[in-house]
């Protein structure tokens, strides 16, 4: 299927690895011009070159922390009028809520709620004026089924989801959609870090927990970043103009719900 977005411009955040990289690769294959961001310059440049070589897409790498005003300004200077915005940022660390301070909560909110809102605010009116816009927020399956040790992430990402539920109904008449992609267990550094955290608590190895968790999933495996990227690319496509305010859960069927 031709997704109808060749020649469009996209800003993809936290794209040097993991789910953000998967999204950038998928959009690059569709002929989208990319600006990708991440904090680590070396890894980001390597990913940019990989995307150029594998897809032929134009890729600009902007190293910086997207959760800061300076990082957002640099990204938007490189991509001032994106047709596609993929919001993504590393999640806050796991832990016990009894140990979290106000500063911990503010950092989580800045990264996983307020930064996406700031980027939406900076780009959505241009999308409305051009009568095309696709915004995808990478959140977490924890929005539907909270993960106890990830309370900081549960709270911040659910706050973003609530905000988007309102604004997405205001922009769709202008062919500007805003949706969430909710990853479950994907084979990423984030997953491996959480497994290591829980393994230490349980006196097991991370490999043992990984095997057990994969087998407990109905798919009997973890997801791949390529699968995630393909879903993102479709939500960003010309064919997805009637999909807005939705939260696509990608978890291999782990969530035990009907809806």
C-alpha atoms as a PDB file:
ATOM      1  CA  UNK A   1       0.000   0.000   0.000  1.00  0.00           C
ATOM      2  CA  UNK A   2       1.223   3.487  -0.879  1.00  0.00           C
ATOM      3  CA  UNK A   3       0.717   5.456   2.320  1.00  0.00           C
ATOM      4  CA  UNK A   4       0.518   8.742   0.427  1.00  0.00           C
ATOM      5  CA  UNK A   5       3.116  10.615   2.496  1.00  0.00           C
ATOM      6  CA  UNK A   6       6.126  10.667   0.177  1.00  0.00           C
ATOM      7  CA  UNK A   7       7.772  14.070   0.361  1.00  0.00           C
ATOM      8  CA  UNK A   8       6.145  14.985   3.678  1.00  0.00           C
ATOM      9  CA  UNK A   9       8.342  16.142   6.548  1.00  0.00           C
ATOM     10  CA  UNK A  10       8.485  14.471   9.955  1.00  0.00           C
ATOM     11  CA  UNK A  11      10.006  15.219  13.319  1.00  0.00           C
ATOM     12  CA  UNK A  12      10.656  11.980  15.205  1.00  0.00           C
ATOM     13  CA  UNK A  13      11.801  12.316  18.806  1.00  0.00           C
ATOM     14  CA  UNK A  14      14.097   9.934  20.694  1.00  0.00           C
ATOM     15  CA  UNK A  15      14.830   8.136  17.441  1.00  0.00           C
ATOM     16  CA  UNK A  16      18.404   6.905  17.872  1.00  0.00           C
ATOM     17  CA  UNK A  17      17.236   3.470  19.018  1.00  0.00           C
ATOM     18  CA  UNK A  18      14.220   1.470  20.103  1.00  0.00           C
ATOM     19  CA  UNK A  19      10.674   2.382  19.169  1.00  0.00           C
ATOM     20  CA  UNK A  20      11.560   5.852  17.894  1.00  0.00           C
ATOM     21  CA  UNK A  21      14.101   4.343  15.531  1.00  0.00           C
ATOM     22  CA  UNK A  22      11.513   1.862  14.299  1.00  0.00           C
ATOM     23  CA  UNK A  23       9.143   4.725  13.500  1.00  0.00           C
ATOM     24  CA  UNK A  24      11.824   6.745  11.717  1.00  0.00           C
ATOM     25  CA  UNK A  25      12.855   3.759   9.606  1.00  0.00           C
ATOM     26  CA  UNK A  26       9.269   3.047   8.578  1.00  0.00           C
ATOM     27  CA  UNK A  27       8.616   6.675   7.633  1.00  0.00           C
ATOM     28  CA  UNK A  28      11.906   6.829   5.739  1.00  0.00           C
ATOM     29  CA  UNK A  29      10.839   3.849   3.653  1.00  0.00           C
ATOM     30  CA  UNK A  30       7.729   5.812   2.667  1.00  0.00           C
ATOM     31  CA  UNK A  31       9.852   8.666   1.324  1.00  0.00           C
ATOM     32  CA  UNK A  32       9.299  11.034   4.237  1.00  0.00           C
ATOM     33  CA  UNK A  33      11.974  13.667   4.907  1.00  0.00           C
ATOM     34  CA  UNK A  34      13.132  13.173   8.476  1.00  0.00           C
ATOM     35  CA  UNK A  35      14.481  15.195  11.354  1.00  0.00           C
ATOM     36  CA  UNK A  36      15.395  12.844  14.176  1.00  0.00           C
ATOM     37  CA  UNK A  37      16.428  13.742  17.706  1.00  0.00           C
ATOM     38  CA  UNK A  38      18.072  12.052  20.668  1.00  0.00           C
ATOM     39  CA  UNK A  39      20.470  12.988  23.430  1.00  0.00           C
ATOM     40  CA  UNK A  40      23.368  10.783  22.337  1.00  0.00           C
ATOM     41  CA  UNK A  41      25.014  12.344  19.285  1.00  0.00           C
ATOM     42  CA  UNK A  42      27.083   9.328  18.251  1.00  0.00           C
ATOM     43  CA  UNK A  43      24.191   6.863  18.318  1.00  0.00           C
ATOM     44  CA  UNK A  44      21.904   9.385  16.631  1.00  0.00           C
ATOM     45  CA  UNK A  45      24.324  10.012  13.775  1.00  0.00           C
ATOM     46  CA  UNK A  46      24.772   6.267  13.296  1.00  0.00           C
ATOM     47  CA  UNK A  47      21.013   5.783  13.091  1.00  0.00           C
ATOM     48  CA  UNK A  48      20.641   8.684  10.660  1.00  0.00           C
ATOM     49  CA  UNK A  49      23.216   7.130   8.353  1.00  0.00           C
ATOM     50  CA  UNK A  50      21.579   3.709   8.641  1.00  0.00           C
ATOM     51  CA  UNK A  51      18.230   5.190   7.610  1.00  0.00           C
ATOM     52  CA  UNK A  52      19.817   7.060   4.696  1.00  0.00           C
ATOM     53  CA  UNK A  53      21.549   3.922   3.451  1.00  0.00           C
ATOM     54  CA  UNK A  54      18.583   1.577   3.884  1.00  0.00           C
ATOM     55  CA  UNK A  55      15.778   3.844   2.676  1.00  0.00           C
ATOM     56  CA  UNK A  56      17.323   6.663   0.656  1.00  0.00           C
ATOM     57  CA  UNK A  57      15.455   9.186   2.781  1.00  0.00           C
ATOM     58  CA  UNK A  58      16.759  12.633   3.610  1.00  0.00           C
ATOM     59  CA  UNK A  59      17.649  12.609   7.313  1.00  0.00           C
ATOM     60  CA  UNK A  60      18.805  15.456   9.550  1.00  0.00           C
ATOM     61  CA  UNK A  61      20.065  14.483  13.007  1.00  0.00           C
ATOM     62  CA  UNK A  62      19.680  16.997  15.833  1.00  0.00           C
ATOM     63  CA  UNK A  63      21.346  15.915  19.063  1.00  0.00           C
ATOM     64  CA  UNK A  64      19.779  17.335  22.196  1.00  0.00           C
ATOM     65  CA  UNK A  65      17.372  16.734  25.037  1.00  0.00           C
ATOM     66  CA  UNK A  66      13.846  17.122  23.668  1.00  0.00           C
ATOM     67  CA  UNK A  67      12.517  17.464  27.227  1.00  0.00           C
ATOM     68  CA  UNK A  68      14.220  20.869  27.547  1.00  0.00           C
ATOM     69  CA  UNK A  69      13.228  24.149  25.941  1.00  0.00           C
ATOM     70  CA  UNK A  70      16.639  24.307  24.244  1.00  0.00           C
ATOM     71  CA  UNK A  71      16.295  20.812  22.831  1.00  0.00           C
ATOM     72  CA  UNK A  72      12.841  21.534  21.443  1.00  0.00           C
ATOM     73  CA  UNK A  73      13.997  24.826  19.926  1.00  0.00           C
ATOM     74  CA  UNK A  74      16.866  23.075  18.120  1.00  0.00           C
ATOM     75  CA  UNK A  75      14.589  20.344  16.770  1.00  0.00           C
ATOM     76  CA  UNK A  76      11.979  22.830  15.568  1.00  0.00           C
ATOM     77  CA  UNK A  77      14.633  25.024  13.961  1.00  0.00           C
ATOM     78  CA  UNK A  78      15.619  22.020  11.835  1.00  0.00           C
ATOM     79  CA  UNK A  79      11.984  21.068  11.158  1.00  0.00           C
ATOM     80  CA  UNK A  80       9.863  24.206  11.625  1.00  0.00           C
ATOM     81  CA  UNK A  81       6.845  22.991   9.647  1.00  0.00           C
ATOM     82  CA  UNK A  82       6.462  19.236  10.164  1.00  0.00           C
ATOM     83  CA  UNK A  83       3.586  17.401   8.541  1.00  0.00           C
ATOM     84  CA  UNK A  84       4.187  14.519  10.938  1.00  0.00           C
ATOM     85  CA  UNK A  85       5.192  14.653  14.595  1.00  0.00           C
ATOM     86  CA  UNK A  86       6.143  11.538  16.533  1.00  0.00           C
ATOM     87  CA  UNK A  87       6.417  12.368  20.222  1.00  0.00           C
ATOM     88  CA  UNK A  88       8.662  10.082  22.198  1.00  0.00           C
ATOM     89  CA  UNK A  89      10.928  10.304  25.225  1.00  0.00           C
ATOM     90  CA  UNK A  90      12.601   7.847  27.527  1.00  0.00           C
ATOM     91  CA  UNK A  91      10.459   6.835  30.448  1.00  0.00           C
ATOM     92  CA  UNK A  92      11.273   7.634  34.072  1.00  0.00           C
ATOM     93  CA  UNK A  93      12.994   4.969  36.164  1.00  0.00           C
ATOM     94  CA  UNK A  94      11.118   2.267  38.038  1.00  0.00           C
ATOM     95  CA  UNK A  95      10.813   2.385  41.790  1.00  0.00           C
ATOM     96  CA  UNK A  96       8.584   2.666  44.857  1.00  0.00           C
ATOM     97  CA  UNK A  97       6.341   5.728  45.037  1.00  0.00           C
ATOM     98  CA  UNK A  98       7.293   6.181  48.684  1.00  0.00           C
ATOM     99  CA  UNK A  99      10.770   7.164  47.567  1.00  0.00           C
ATOM    100  CA  UNK A 100       9.784   9.652  44.856  1.00  0.00           C
ATOM    101  CA  UNK A 101      10.129  13.350  45.537  1.00  0.00           C
ATOM    102  CA  UNK A 102       8.280  16.281  44.013  1.00  0.00           C
ATOM    103  CA  UNK A 103      11.290  16.782  41.743  1.00  0.00           C
ATOM    104  CA  UNK A 104      11.002  13.194  40.494  1.00  0.00           C
ATOM    105  CA  UNK A 105       7.356  13.772  39.604  1.00  0.00           C
ATOM    106  CA  UNK A 106       8.065  17.077  37.853  1.00  0.00           C
ATOM    107  CA  UNK A 107      10.825  15.492  35.785  1.00  0.00           C
ATOM    108  CA  UNK A 108       8.484  12.696  34.719  1.00  0.00           C
ATOM    109  CA  UNK A 109       5.712  15.138  33.828  1.00  0.00           C
ATOM    110  CA  UNK A 110       8.123  17.338  31.867  1.00  0.00           C
ATOM    111  CA  UNK A 111       9.384  14.412  29.807  1.00  0.00           C
ATOM    112  CA  UNK A 112       6.270  12.343  29.222  1.00  0.00           C
ATOM    113  CA  UNK A 113       3.400  14.828  29.360  1.00  0.00           C
ATOM    114  CA  UNK A 114       4.430  18.461  29.039  1.00  0.00           C
ATOM    115  CA  UNK A 115       7.076  18.034  26.319  1.00  0.00           C
ATOM    116  CA  UNK A 116       4.634  16.356  23.885  1.00  0.00           C
ATOM    117  CA  UNK A 117       2.079  19.060  24.642  1.00  0.00           C
ATOM    118  CA  UNK A 118       4.643  21.796  23.957  1.00  0.00           C
ATOM    119  CA  UNK A 119       5.561  20.207  20.621  1.00  0.00           C
ATOM    120  CA  UNK A 120       1.913  19.823  19.665  1.00  0.00           C
ATOM    121  CA  UNK A 121       1.337  23.473  20.532  1.00  0.00           C
ATOM    122  CA  UNK A 122       4.303  24.527  18.396  1.00  0.00           C
ATOM    123  CA  UNK A 123       3.245  22.575  15.305  1.00  0.00           C
ATOM    124  CA  UNK A 124      -0.503  21.957  15.212  1.00  0.00           C
ATOM    125  CA  UNK A 125      -1.618  25.347  13.875  1.00  0.00           C
ATOM    126  CA  UNK A 126       0.710  25.009  10.885  1.00  0.00           C
ATOM    127  CA  UNK A 127      -0.717  21.576  10.193  1.00  0.00           C
ATOM    128  CA  UNK A 128      -4.237  22.980  10.387  1.00  0.00           C
ATOM    129  CA  UNK A 129      -3.351  25.751   7.943  1.00  0.00           C
ATOM    130  CA  UNK A 130      -1.893  23.218   5.481  1.00  0.00           C
ATOM    131  CA  UNK A 131      -4.868  20.845   5.942  1.00  0.00           C
ATOM    132  CA  UNK A 132      -2.652  17.897   6.783  1.00  0.00           C
ATOM    133  CA  UNK A 133      -1.121  16.737  10.028  1.00  0.00           C
ATOM    134  CA  UNK A 134      -0.413  13.491  11.797  1.00  0.00           C
ATOM    135  CA  UNK A 135       0.681  13.450  15.435  1.00  0.00           C
ATOM    136  CA  UNK A 136       1.528  10.160  17.111  1.00  0.00           C
ATOM    137  CA  UNK A 137       2.380  10.010  20.799  1.00  0.00           C
ATOM    138  CA  UNK A 138       4.361   6.976  21.899  1.00  0.00           C
ATOM    139  CA  UNK A 139       3.075   6.314  25.390  1.00  0.00           C
ATOM    140  CA  UNK A 140       2.785   2.881  27.042  1.00  0.00           C
ATOM    141  CA  UNK A 141       0.504  -0.077  27.526  1.00  0.00           C
ATOM    142  CA  UNK A 142       0.538   1.063  31.150  1.00  0.00           C
ATOM    143  CA  UNK A 143      -2.040   3.688  30.158  1.00  0.00           C
ATOM    144  CA  UNK A 144      -4.540   0.810  30.020  1.00  0.00           C
ATOM    145  CA  UNK A 145      -2.970  -1.556  32.541  1.00  0.00           C
ATOM    146  CA  UNK A 146      -0.664   0.230  35.019  1.00  0.00           C
ATOM    147  CA  UNK A 147       2.679  -1.341  35.868  1.00  0.00           C
ATOM    148  CA  UNK A 148       3.269  -1.045  39.637  1.00  0.00           C
ATOM    149  CA  UNK A 149       6.970  -0.193  39.550  1.00  0.00           C
ATOM    150  CA  UNK A 150       6.464   2.378  36.772  1.00  0.00           C
ATOM    151  CA  UNK A 151       4.185   4.731  38.676  1.00  0.00           C
ATOM    152  CA  UNK A 152       5.940   7.860  37.422  1.00  0.00           C
ATOM    153  CA  UNK A 153       5.359   6.755  33.851  1.00  0.00           C
ATOM    154  CA  UNK A 154       1.796   5.589  34.550  1.00  0.00           C
ATOM    155  CA  UNK A 155       0.845   9.007  35.869  1.00  0.00           C
ATOM    156  CA  UNK A 156       2.566  11.214  33.313  1.00  0.00           C
ATOM    157  CA  UNK A 157       1.528   9.242  30.240  1.00  0.00           C
ATOM    158  CA  UNK A 158      -2.063   8.941  31.380  1.00  0.00           C
ATOM    159  CA  UNK A 159      -2.138  12.709  31.831  1.00  0.00           C
ATOM    160  CA  UNK A 160      -1.001  13.181  28.229  1.00  0.00           C
ATOM    161  CA  UNK A 161      -3.634  10.710  27.034  1.00  0.00           C
ATOM    162  CA  UNK A 162      -6.364  12.655  28.797  1.00  0.00           C
ATOM    163  CA  UNK A 163      -5.235  15.937  27.257  1.00  0.00           C
ATOM    164  CA  UNK A 164      -5.088  14.465  23.750  1.00  0.00           C
ATOM    165  CA  UNK A 165      -8.576  12.995  24.086  1.00  0.00           C
ATOM    166  CA  UNK A 166      -9.939  16.530  24.022  1.00  0.00           C
ATOM    167  CA  UNK A 167      -7.790  18.290  21.455  1.00  0.00           C
ATOM    168  CA  UNK A 168      -7.883  15.425  18.939  1.00  0.00           C
ATOM    169  CA  UNK A 169     -11.600  16.037  18.449  1.00  0.00           C
ATOM    170  CA  UNK A 170     -10.952  19.688  17.626  1.00  0.00           C
ATOM    171  CA  UNK A 171      -8.267  19.196  14.968  1.00  0.00           C
ATOM    172  CA  UNK A 172      -9.628  16.306  12.925  1.00  0.00           C
ATOM    173  CA  UNK A 173     -11.963  18.525  10.882  1.00  0.00           C
ATOM    174  CA  UNK A 174      -8.787  20.055   9.434  1.00  0.00           C
ATOM    175  CA  UNK A 175      -7.310  16.647   8.521  1.00  0.00           C
ATOM    176  CA  UNK A 176      -5.017  16.791  11.546  1.00  0.00           C
ATOM    177  CA  UNK A 177      -5.156  13.664  13.671  1.00  0.00           C
ATOM    178  CA  UNK A 178      -3.620  12.907  17.060  1.00  0.00           C
ATOM    179  CA  UNK A 179      -3.322   9.349  18.280  1.00  0.00           C
ATOM    180  CA  UNK A 180      -1.406   7.275  20.789  1.00  0.00           C
ATOM    181  CA  UNK A 181       0.657   4.166  20.234  1.00  0.00           C
ATOM    182  CA  UNK A 182       0.802   2.080  23.405  1.00  0.00           C
ATOM    183  CA  UNK A 183       3.654  -0.413  23.400  1.00  0.00           C
ATOM    184  CA  UNK A 184       3.611  -3.484  25.554  1.00  0.00           C
ATOM    185  CA  UNK A 185       6.748  -5.614  25.787  1.00  0.00           C
ATOM    186  CA  UNK A 186       9.036  -4.759  22.884  1.00  0.00           C
ATOM    187  CA  UNK A 187      12.636  -5.830  22.539  1.00  0.00           C
ATOM    188  CA  UNK A 188      14.234  -2.526  23.550  1.00  0.00           C
ATOM    189  CA  UNK A 189      16.773  -1.208  26.039  1.00  0.00           C
ATOM    190  CA  UNK A 190      13.863   0.041  28.170  1.00  0.00           C
ATOM    191  CA  UNK A 191      12.452  -3.473  28.501  1.00  0.00           C
ATOM    192  CA  UNK A 192      15.841  -4.930  29.313  1.00  0.00           C
ATOM    193  CA  UNK A 193      16.405  -2.290  31.996  1.00  0.00           C
ATOM    194  CA  UNK A 194      13.069  -3.028  33.656  1.00  0.00           C
ATOM    195  CA  UNK A 195      13.793  -6.754  33.573  1.00  0.00           C
ATOM    196  CA  UNK A 196      17.138  -6.153  35.264  1.00  0.00           C
ATOM    197  CA  UNK A 197      15.425  -4.049  37.959  1.00  0.00           C
ATOM    198  CA  UNK A 198      12.881  -6.753  38.733  1.00  0.00           C
ATOM    199  CA  UNK A 199      15.450  -9.552  38.509  1.00  0.00           C
ATOM    200  CA  UNK A 200      17.483  -7.939  41.242  1.00  0.00           C
ATOM    201  CA  UNK A 201      14.433  -7.710  43.499  1.00  0.00           C
ATOM    202  CA  UNK A 202      13.458 -11.331  42.876  1.00  0.00           C
ATOM    203  CA  UNK A 203      16.916 -12.858  43.044  1.00  0.00           C
ATOM    204  CA  UNK A 204      16.767 -14.109  39.471  1.00  0.00           C
ATOM    205  CA  UNK A 205      18.618 -13.312  36.282  1.00  0.00           C
ATOM    206  CA  UNK A 206      17.288 -10.911  33.676  1.00  0.00           C
ATOM    207  CA  UNK A 207      17.446 -13.719  31.105  1.00  0.00           C
ATOM    208  CA  UNK A 208      15.210 -15.917  33.250  1.00  0.00           C
ATOM    209  CA  UNK A 209      12.657 -13.154  33.633  1.00  0.00           C
ATOM    210  CA  UNK A 210      12.784 -12.326  29.919  1.00  0.00           C
ATOM    211  CA  UNK A 211      12.048 -15.912  28.962  1.00  0.00           C
ATOM    212  CA  UNK A 212       9.216 -16.178  31.469  1.00  0.00           C
ATOM    213  CA  UNK A 213       7.654 -12.905  30.425  1.00  0.00           C
ATOM    214  CA  UNK A 214       7.842 -13.745  26.725  1.00  0.00           C
ATOM    215  CA  UNK A 215       6.205 -17.122  27.330  1.00  0.00           C
ATOM    216  CA  UNK A 216       3.469 -15.509  29.427  1.00  0.00           C
ATOM    217  CA  UNK A 217       2.509 -13.279  26.499  1.00  0.00           C
ATOM    218  CA  UNK A 218      -0.149 -14.730  24.179  1.00  0.00           C
ATOM    219  CA  UNK A 219       2.239 -14.122  21.249  1.00  0.00           C
ATOM    220  CA  UNK A 220       4.980 -16.047  23.097  1.00  0.00           C
ATOM    221  CA  UNK A 221       7.507 -13.367  22.225  1.00  0.00           C
ATOM    222  CA  UNK A 222       8.333  -9.685  22.458  1.00  0.00           C
ATOM    223  CA  UNK A 223       7.438  -7.225  19.722  1.00  0.00           C
ATOM    224  CA  UNK A 224       9.958  -5.835  17.239  1.00  0.00           C
ATOM    225  CA  UNK A 225      10.658  -2.194  16.516  1.00  0.00           C
ATOM    226  CA  UNK A 226       9.867  -2.877  12.852  1.00  0.00           C
ATOM    227  CA  UNK A 227       6.312  -3.938  13.747  1.00  0.00           C
ATOM    228  CA  UNK A 228       5.886  -0.867  15.880  1.00  0.00           C
ATOM    229  CA  UNK A 229       7.212   1.421  13.164  1.00  0.00           C
ATOM    230  CA  UNK A 230       4.838  -0.011  10.564  1.00  0.00           C
ATOM    231  CA  UNK A 231       1.850   0.774  12.786  1.00  0.00           C
ATOM    232  CA  UNK A 232       3.143   4.293  13.333  1.00  0.00           C
ATOM    233  CA  UNK A 233       3.597   4.822   9.607  1.00  0.00           C
ATOM    234  CA  UNK A 234       0.003   3.812   8.921  1.00  0.00           C
ATOM    235  CA  UNK A 235      -1.341   6.227  11.543  1.00  0.00           C
ATOM    236  CA  UNK A 236       0.744   8.913   9.809  1.00  0.00           C
ATOM    237  CA  UNK A 237      -0.579   7.995   6.378  1.00  0.00           C
ATOM    238  CA  UNK A 238      -3.001   9.779   4.094  1.00  0.00           C
ATOM    239  CA  UNK A 239      -5.423   6.897   4.689  1.00  0.00           C
ATOM    240  CA  UNK A 240      -5.742   7.494   8.439  1.00  0.00           C
ATOM    241  CA  UNK A 241      -7.575  10.811   8.393  1.00  0.00           C
ATOM    242  CA  UNK A 242     -10.657   9.309  10.066  1.00  0.00           C
ATOM    243  CA  UNK A 243      -8.711   7.915  13.020  1.00  0.00           C
ATOM    244  CA  UNK A 244      -8.156  10.373  15.862  1.00  0.00           C
ATOM    245  CA  UNK A 245      -8.105  10.398  19.635  1.00  0.00           C
ATOM    246  CA  UNK A 246      -7.411   6.678  19.651  1.00  0.00           C
ATOM    247  CA  UNK A 247      -4.894   4.614  21.573  1.00  0.00           C
ATOM    248  CA  UNK A 248      -3.602   1.602  19.684  1.00  0.00           C
ATOM    249  CA  UNK A 249      -2.384  -1.012  22.143  1.00  0.00           C
ATOM    250  CA  UNK A 250       0.423  -3.182  20.766  1.00  0.00           C
ATOM    251  CA  UNK A 251       1.109  -5.830  23.376  1.00  0.00           C
ATOM    252  CA  UNK A 252       0.713  -9.213  21.715  1.00  0.00           C
ATOM    253  CA  UNK A 253      -2.718  -9.609  23.303  1.00  0.00           C
ATOM    254  CA  UNK A 254      -1.484  -9.321  26.893  1.00  0.00           C
ATOM    255  CA  UNK A 255      -4.212  -6.923  28.020  1.00  0.00           C
ATOM    256  CA  UNK A 256      -7.092  -9.209  29.103  1.00  0.00           C
ATOM    257  CA  UNK A 257      -9.923  -6.925  28.061  1.00  0.00           C
ATOM    258  CA  UNK A 258     -12.732  -6.965  25.538  1.00  0.00           C
ATOM    259  CA  UNK A 259     -12.366  -3.291  24.625  1.00  0.00           C
END
